[in-house]
């Protein structure tokens, strides 16, 4: 049975990447593909190693049925590029940081999460994010220094993009 290993990456691994991990795990379970996809998350920085996700992220996620409390922050390592098939960054700054630690032969594994957001929900999520943050819809907004609304936008973006990611992976998972 073919499996795919994915690591979601943001700056500190306490807001966006654990949210993406929680959403992806939930959607994979719903799609009955949880046994086919290994999901993890990490940060490019070392500020929050061992810490639980941000309380605001946990609260927003819990209101939508996702449990982030089990995750703990960790930092990405060069070995992760061997272990994972996809390293999915939340924004361009994280892509640049990943390229600094990535072995050159593994750089094609680095992708932006919002590349996978292709349906109408993705357009809505991206548009809301752009209006709220000034970022373009290629990036998952960083909610850390804002209020609760930012965490809702992150959830919208992660839900849309993770649905698209599952659709993109489905052909190779059902072989």
C-alpha atoms as a PDB file:
ATOM      1  CA  UNK A   1       0.000   0.000   0.000  1.00  0.00           C
ATOM      2  CA  UNK A   2       1.400   3.385  -1.068  1.00  0.00           C
ATOM      3  CA  UNK A   3       1.748   6.033   1.632  1.00  0.00           C
ATOM      4  CA  UNK A   4       2.663   9.700   1.394  1.00  0.00           C
ATOM      5  CA  UNK A   5       4.365  11.680   4.167  1.00  0.00           C
ATOM      6  CA  UNK A   6       3.629  15.402   4.503  1.00  0.00           C
ATOM      7  CA  UNK A   7       5.076  18.012   6.852  1.00  0.00           C
ATOM      8  CA  UNK A   8       3.373  21.406   7.138  1.00  0.00           C
ATOM      9  CA  UNK A   9       5.728  24.255   8.037  1.00  0.00           C
ATOM     10  CA  UNK A  10       5.297  27.760   9.427  1.00  0.00           C
ATOM     11  CA  UNK A  11       7.529  30.034  11.447  1.00  0.00           C
ATOM     12  CA  UNK A  12       7.084  28.822  15.032  1.00  0.00           C
ATOM     13  CA  UNK A  13       4.888  25.721  14.646  1.00  0.00           C
ATOM     14  CA  UNK A  14       2.215  27.022  17.021  1.00  0.00           C
ATOM     15  CA  UNK A  15      -0.397  28.624  14.727  1.00  0.00           C
ATOM     16  CA  UNK A  16      -0.601  27.855  11.017  1.00  0.00           C
ATOM     17  CA  UNK A  17       1.237  24.551  10.612  1.00  0.00           C
ATOM     18  CA  UNK A  18      -0.446  22.736  13.530  1.00  0.00           C
ATOM     19  CA  UNK A  19      -3.776  24.074  12.227  1.00  0.00           C
ATOM     20  CA  UNK A  20      -3.002  22.629   8.779  1.00  0.00           C
ATOM     21  CA  UNK A  21      -1.933  19.355  10.403  1.00  0.00           C
ATOM     22  CA  UNK A  22      -5.150  19.130  12.438  1.00  0.00           C
ATOM     23  CA  UNK A  23      -7.366  19.986   9.472  1.00  0.00           C
ATOM     24  CA  UNK A  24      -5.539  17.526   7.207  1.00  0.00           C
ATOM     25  CA  UNK A  25      -5.780  14.680   9.721  1.00  0.00           C
ATOM     26  CA  UNK A  26      -9.509  15.328  10.138  1.00  0.00           C
ATOM     27  CA  UNK A  27     -10.195  15.471   6.384  1.00  0.00           C
ATOM     28  CA  UNK A  28      -8.110  12.350   5.746  1.00  0.00           C
ATOM     29  CA  UNK A  29     -10.125  10.481   8.378  1.00  0.00           C
ATOM     30  CA  UNK A  30     -13.362  11.610   6.724  1.00  0.00           C
ATOM     31  CA  UNK A  31     -12.025  10.459   3.332  1.00  0.00           C
ATOM     32  CA  UNK A  32     -10.907   7.136   4.837  1.00  0.00           C
ATOM     33  CA  UNK A  33      -7.321   7.840   3.800  1.00  0.00           C
ATOM     34  CA  UNK A  34      -5.757   8.379   7.228  1.00  0.00           C
ATOM     35  CA  UNK A  35      -3.810   5.121   6.981  1.00  0.00           C
ATOM     36  CA  UNK A  36      -2.300   6.233   3.664  1.00  0.00           C
ATOM     37  CA  UNK A  37      -0.935   9.672   4.625  1.00  0.00           C
ATOM     38  CA  UNK A  38       1.554  10.492   7.386  1.00  0.00           C
ATOM     39  CA  UNK A  39       1.044  14.056   8.603  1.00  0.00           C
ATOM     40  CA  UNK A  40       3.293  16.196  10.796  1.00  0.00           C
ATOM     41  CA  UNK A  41       4.176  19.849  11.270  1.00  0.00           C
ATOM     42  CA  UNK A  42       7.250  21.869  12.164  1.00  0.00           C
ATOM     43  CA  UNK A  43       8.566  25.409  12.363  1.00  0.00           C
ATOM     44  CA  UNK A  44      11.528  27.048  10.701  1.00  0.00           C
ATOM     45  CA  UNK A  45      12.360  28.780  13.991  1.00  0.00           C
ATOM     46  CA  UNK A  46      13.202  27.332  17.391  1.00  0.00           C
ATOM     47  CA  UNK A  47      11.192  29.677  19.649  1.00  0.00           C
ATOM     48  CA  UNK A  48       8.360  27.296  20.520  1.00  0.00           C
ATOM     49  CA  UNK A  49       9.940  23.828  20.633  1.00  0.00           C
ATOM     50  CA  UNK A  50       7.877  21.603  22.914  1.00  0.00           C
ATOM     51  CA  UNK A  51       5.050  24.136  23.310  1.00  0.00           C
ATOM     52  CA  UNK A  52       1.383  23.505  22.608  1.00  0.00           C
ATOM     53  CA  UNK A  53      -0.263  25.467  19.790  1.00  0.00           C
ATOM     54  CA  UNK A  54      -1.360  29.040  20.482  1.00  0.00           C
ATOM     55  CA  UNK A  55      -4.503  29.118  22.649  1.00  0.00           C
ATOM     56  CA  UNK A  56      -6.309  31.229  20.038  1.00  0.00           C
ATOM     57  CA  UNK A  57      -5.536  28.641  17.350  1.00  0.00           C
ATOM     58  CA  UNK A  58      -6.736  25.847  19.603  1.00  0.00           C
ATOM     59  CA  UNK A  59      -9.962  27.692  20.451  1.00  0.00           C
ATOM     60  CA  UNK A  60     -10.811  28.514  16.815  1.00  0.00           C
ATOM     61  CA  UNK A  61     -10.011  24.955  15.752  1.00  0.00           C
ATOM     62  CA  UNK A  62     -12.040  23.413  18.577  1.00  0.00           C
ATOM     63  CA  UNK A  63     -15.073  25.476  17.502  1.00  0.00           C
ATOM     64  CA  UNK A  64     -14.845  23.713  14.119  1.00  0.00           C
ATOM     65  CA  UNK A  65     -14.260  20.244  15.536  1.00  0.00           C
ATOM     66  CA  UNK A  66     -10.457  20.018  15.340  1.00  0.00           C
ATOM     67  CA  UNK A  67      -8.267  19.142  18.331  1.00  0.00           C
ATOM     68  CA  UNK A  68      -4.836  20.780  18.226  1.00  0.00           C
ATOM     69  CA  UNK A  69      -4.011  20.195  21.895  1.00  0.00           C
ATOM     70  CA  UNK A  70      -2.046  17.019  21.181  1.00  0.00           C
ATOM     71  CA  UNK A  71       0.537  18.760  18.975  1.00  0.00           C
ATOM     72  CA  UNK A  72       3.847  20.163  20.233  1.00  0.00           C
ATOM     73  CA  UNK A  73       6.133  22.595  18.469  1.00  0.00           C
ATOM     74  CA  UNK A  74       9.288  21.323  16.826  1.00  0.00           C
ATOM     75  CA  UNK A  75      11.841  22.703  14.412  1.00  0.00           C
ATOM     76  CA  UNK A  76      12.355  21.363  10.901  1.00  0.00           C
ATOM     77  CA  UNK A  77      15.619  19.487  10.329  1.00  0.00           C
ATOM     78  CA  UNK A  78      17.582  18.449   7.261  1.00  0.00           C
ATOM     79  CA  UNK A  79      16.567  14.844   8.007  1.00  0.00           C
ATOM     80  CA  UNK A  80      12.906  15.792   7.480  1.00  0.00           C
ATOM     81  CA  UNK A  81      13.639  16.230   3.781  1.00  0.00           C
ATOM     82  CA  UNK A  82      14.510  12.535   3.621  1.00  0.00           C
ATOM     83  CA  UNK A  83      11.494  11.454   5.710  1.00  0.00           C
ATOM     84  CA  UNK A  84       8.759  13.461   3.992  1.00  0.00           C
ATOM     85  CA  UNK A  85       7.518  13.389   0.395  1.00  0.00           C
ATOM     86  CA  UNK A  86       6.152  16.941   0.646  1.00  0.00           C
ATOM     87  CA  UNK A  87       7.278  19.846   2.828  1.00  0.00           C
ATOM     88  CA  UNK A  88       4.418  22.334   2.629  1.00  0.00           C
ATOM     89  CA  UNK A  89       5.130  25.917   3.691  1.00  0.00           C
ATOM     90  CA  UNK A  90       2.589  28.499   4.734  1.00  0.00           C
ATOM     91  CA  UNK A  91       4.284  31.482   3.062  1.00  0.00           C
ATOM     92  CA  UNK A  92       7.208  32.605   0.922  1.00  0.00           C
ATOM     93  CA  UNK A  93       9.380  33.485   3.939  1.00  0.00           C
ATOM     94  CA  UNK A  94       9.125  29.898   5.126  1.00  0.00           C
ATOM     95  CA  UNK A  95       9.916  28.611   1.627  1.00  0.00           C
ATOM     96  CA  UNK A  96      13.118  30.685   1.701  1.00  0.00           C
ATOM     97  CA  UNK A  97      14.015  29.407   5.188  1.00  0.00           C
ATOM     98  CA  UNK A  98      13.347  25.808   4.104  1.00  0.00           C
ATOM     99  CA  UNK A  99      15.628  26.199   1.110  1.00  0.00           C
ATOM    100  CA  UNK A 100      18.416  27.183   3.518  1.00  0.00           C
ATOM    101  CA  UNK A 101      18.285  23.816   5.332  1.00  0.00           C
ATOM    102  CA  UNK A 102      17.142  21.622   2.450  1.00  0.00           C
ATOM    103  CA  UNK A 103      19.603  19.387   0.616  1.00  0.00           C
ATOM    104  CA  UNK A 104      19.659  20.628  -3.017  1.00  0.00           C
ATOM    105  CA  UNK A 105      18.364  17.320  -4.391  1.00  0.00           C
ATOM    106  CA  UNK A 106      15.230  17.592  -2.207  1.00  0.00           C
ATOM    107  CA  UNK A 107      14.125  21.155  -3.092  1.00  0.00           C
ATOM    108  CA  UNK A 108      11.306  19.948  -5.352  1.00  0.00           C
ATOM    109  CA  UNK A 109       9.524  18.682  -2.220  1.00  0.00           C
ATOM    110  CA  UNK A 110       8.920  22.269  -0.996  1.00  0.00           C
ATOM    111  CA  UNK A 111       5.503  23.656  -1.920  1.00  0.00           C
ATOM    112  CA  UNK A 112       3.151  26.390  -0.726  1.00  0.00           C
ATOM    113  CA  UNK A 113      -0.058  25.141   0.915  1.00  0.00           C
ATOM    114  CA  UNK A 114      -2.286  27.545  -0.985  1.00  0.00           C
ATOM    115  CA  UNK A 115      -1.089  26.060  -4.306  1.00  0.00           C
ATOM    116  CA  UNK A 116      -3.554  23.270  -3.559  1.00  0.00           C
ATOM    117  CA  UNK A 117      -6.557  25.538  -2.944  1.00  0.00           C
ATOM    118  CA  UNK A 118      -8.361  25.260  -6.266  1.00  0.00           C
ATOM    119  CA  UNK A 119     -12.112  25.233  -5.615  1.00  0.00           C
ATOM    120  CA  UNK A 120     -14.660  27.962  -4.909  1.00  0.00           C
ATOM    121  CA  UNK A 121     -14.043  27.671  -1.170  1.00  0.00           C
ATOM    122  CA  UNK A 122     -10.386  28.415  -1.805  1.00  0.00           C
ATOM    123  CA  UNK A 123     -11.296  31.575  -3.682  1.00  0.00           C
ATOM    124  CA  UNK A 124     -13.471  32.681  -0.794  1.00  0.00           C
ATOM    125  CA  UNK A 125     -10.789  31.830   1.781  1.00  0.00           C
ATOM    126  CA  UNK A 126      -8.045  33.531  -0.202  1.00  0.00           C
ATOM    127  CA  UNK A 127     -10.153  36.611  -0.835  1.00  0.00           C
ATOM    128  CA  UNK A 128     -11.042  36.919   2.841  1.00  0.00           C
ATOM    129  CA  UNK A 129      -7.400  36.530   3.778  1.00  0.00           C
ATOM    130  CA  UNK A 130      -6.303  39.137   1.284  1.00  0.00           C
ATOM    131  CA  UNK A 131      -8.917  41.632   2.466  1.00  0.00           C
ATOM    132  CA  UNK A 132      -8.059  41.043   6.113  1.00  0.00           C
ATOM    133  CA  UNK A 133      -4.294  40.979   5.871  1.00  0.00           C
ATOM    134  CA  UNK A 134      -2.995  42.536   2.702  1.00  0.00           C
ATOM    135  CA  UNK A 135      -1.254  39.246   1.793  1.00  0.00           C
ATOM    136  CA  UNK A 136      -1.978  37.696  -1.551  1.00  0.00           C
ATOM    137  CA  UNK A 137      -3.899  34.430  -1.560  1.00  0.00           C
ATOM    138  CA  UNK A 138      -0.703  32.460  -2.309  1.00  0.00           C
ATOM    139  CA  UNK A 139       0.123  32.592   1.387  1.00  0.00           C
ATOM    140  CA  UNK A 140      -1.612  31.478   4.556  1.00  0.00           C
ATOM    141  CA  UNK A 141      -1.911  34.607   6.693  1.00  0.00           C
ATOM    142  CA  UNK A 142       0.105  34.766   9.920  1.00  0.00           C
ATOM    143  CA  UNK A 143      -2.438  35.400  12.692  1.00  0.00           C
ATOM    144  CA  UNK A 144       0.032  35.552  15.590  1.00  0.00           C
ATOM    145  CA  UNK A 145       0.064  39.321  16.150  1.00  0.00           C
ATOM    146  CA  UNK A 146      -3.617  39.868  15.378  1.00  0.00           C
ATOM    147  CA  UNK A 147      -6.970  39.027  16.869  1.00  0.00           C
ATOM    148  CA  UNK A 148      -9.241  36.012  16.662  1.00  0.00           C
ATOM    149  CA  UNK A 149     -10.387  36.791  13.106  1.00  0.00           C
ATOM    150  CA  UNK A 150      -6.956  35.846  11.743  1.00  0.00           C
ATOM    151  CA  UNK A 151      -7.240  32.344  13.183  1.00  0.00           C
ATOM    152  CA  UNK A 152     -10.619  31.921  11.471  1.00  0.00           C
ATOM    153  CA  UNK A 153      -9.066  32.975   8.156  1.00  0.00           C
ATOM    154  CA  UNK A 154      -6.233  30.466   8.671  1.00  0.00           C
ATOM    155  CA  UNK A 155      -8.823  27.727   9.217  1.00  0.00           C
ATOM    156  CA  UNK A 156     -10.696  28.765   6.055  1.00  0.00           C
ATOM    157  CA  UNK A 157      -7.475  28.669   4.057  1.00  0.00           C
ATOM    158  CA  UNK A 158      -6.315  25.355   5.536  1.00  0.00           C
ATOM    159  CA  UNK A 159      -9.672  23.687   4.941  1.00  0.00           C
ATOM    160  CA  UNK A 160      -9.770  24.767   1.287  1.00  0.00           C
ATOM    161  CA  UNK A 161      -6.124  23.910   0.587  1.00  0.00           C
ATOM    162  CA  UNK A 162      -6.176  20.572   2.424  1.00  0.00           C
ATOM    163  CA  UNK A 163      -9.246  19.521   0.426  1.00  0.00           C
ATOM    164  CA  UNK A 164      -7.321  20.355  -2.734  1.00  0.00           C
ATOM    165  CA  UNK A 165      -4.235  18.532  -1.472  1.00  0.00           C
ATOM    166  CA  UNK A 166      -6.251  15.387  -0.800  1.00  0.00           C
ATOM    167  CA  UNK A 167      -7.744  15.610  -4.296  1.00  0.00           C
ATOM    168  CA  UNK A 168      -4.235  15.967  -5.765  1.00  0.00           C
ATOM    169  CA  UNK A 169      -2.932  12.987  -3.747  1.00  0.00           C
ATOM    170  CA  UNK A 170      -5.932  10.700  -4.259  1.00  0.00           C
ATOM    171  CA  UNK A 171      -4.780   9.162  -7.581  1.00  0.00           C
ATOM    172  CA  UNK A 172      -1.493   7.942  -6.147  1.00  0.00           C
ATOM    173  CA  UNK A 173      -3.124   6.809  -2.896  1.00  0.00           C
ATOM    174  CA  UNK A 174      -5.739   4.649  -4.578  1.00  0.00           C
ATOM    175  CA  UNK A 175      -3.347   2.662  -6.784  1.00  0.00           C
END
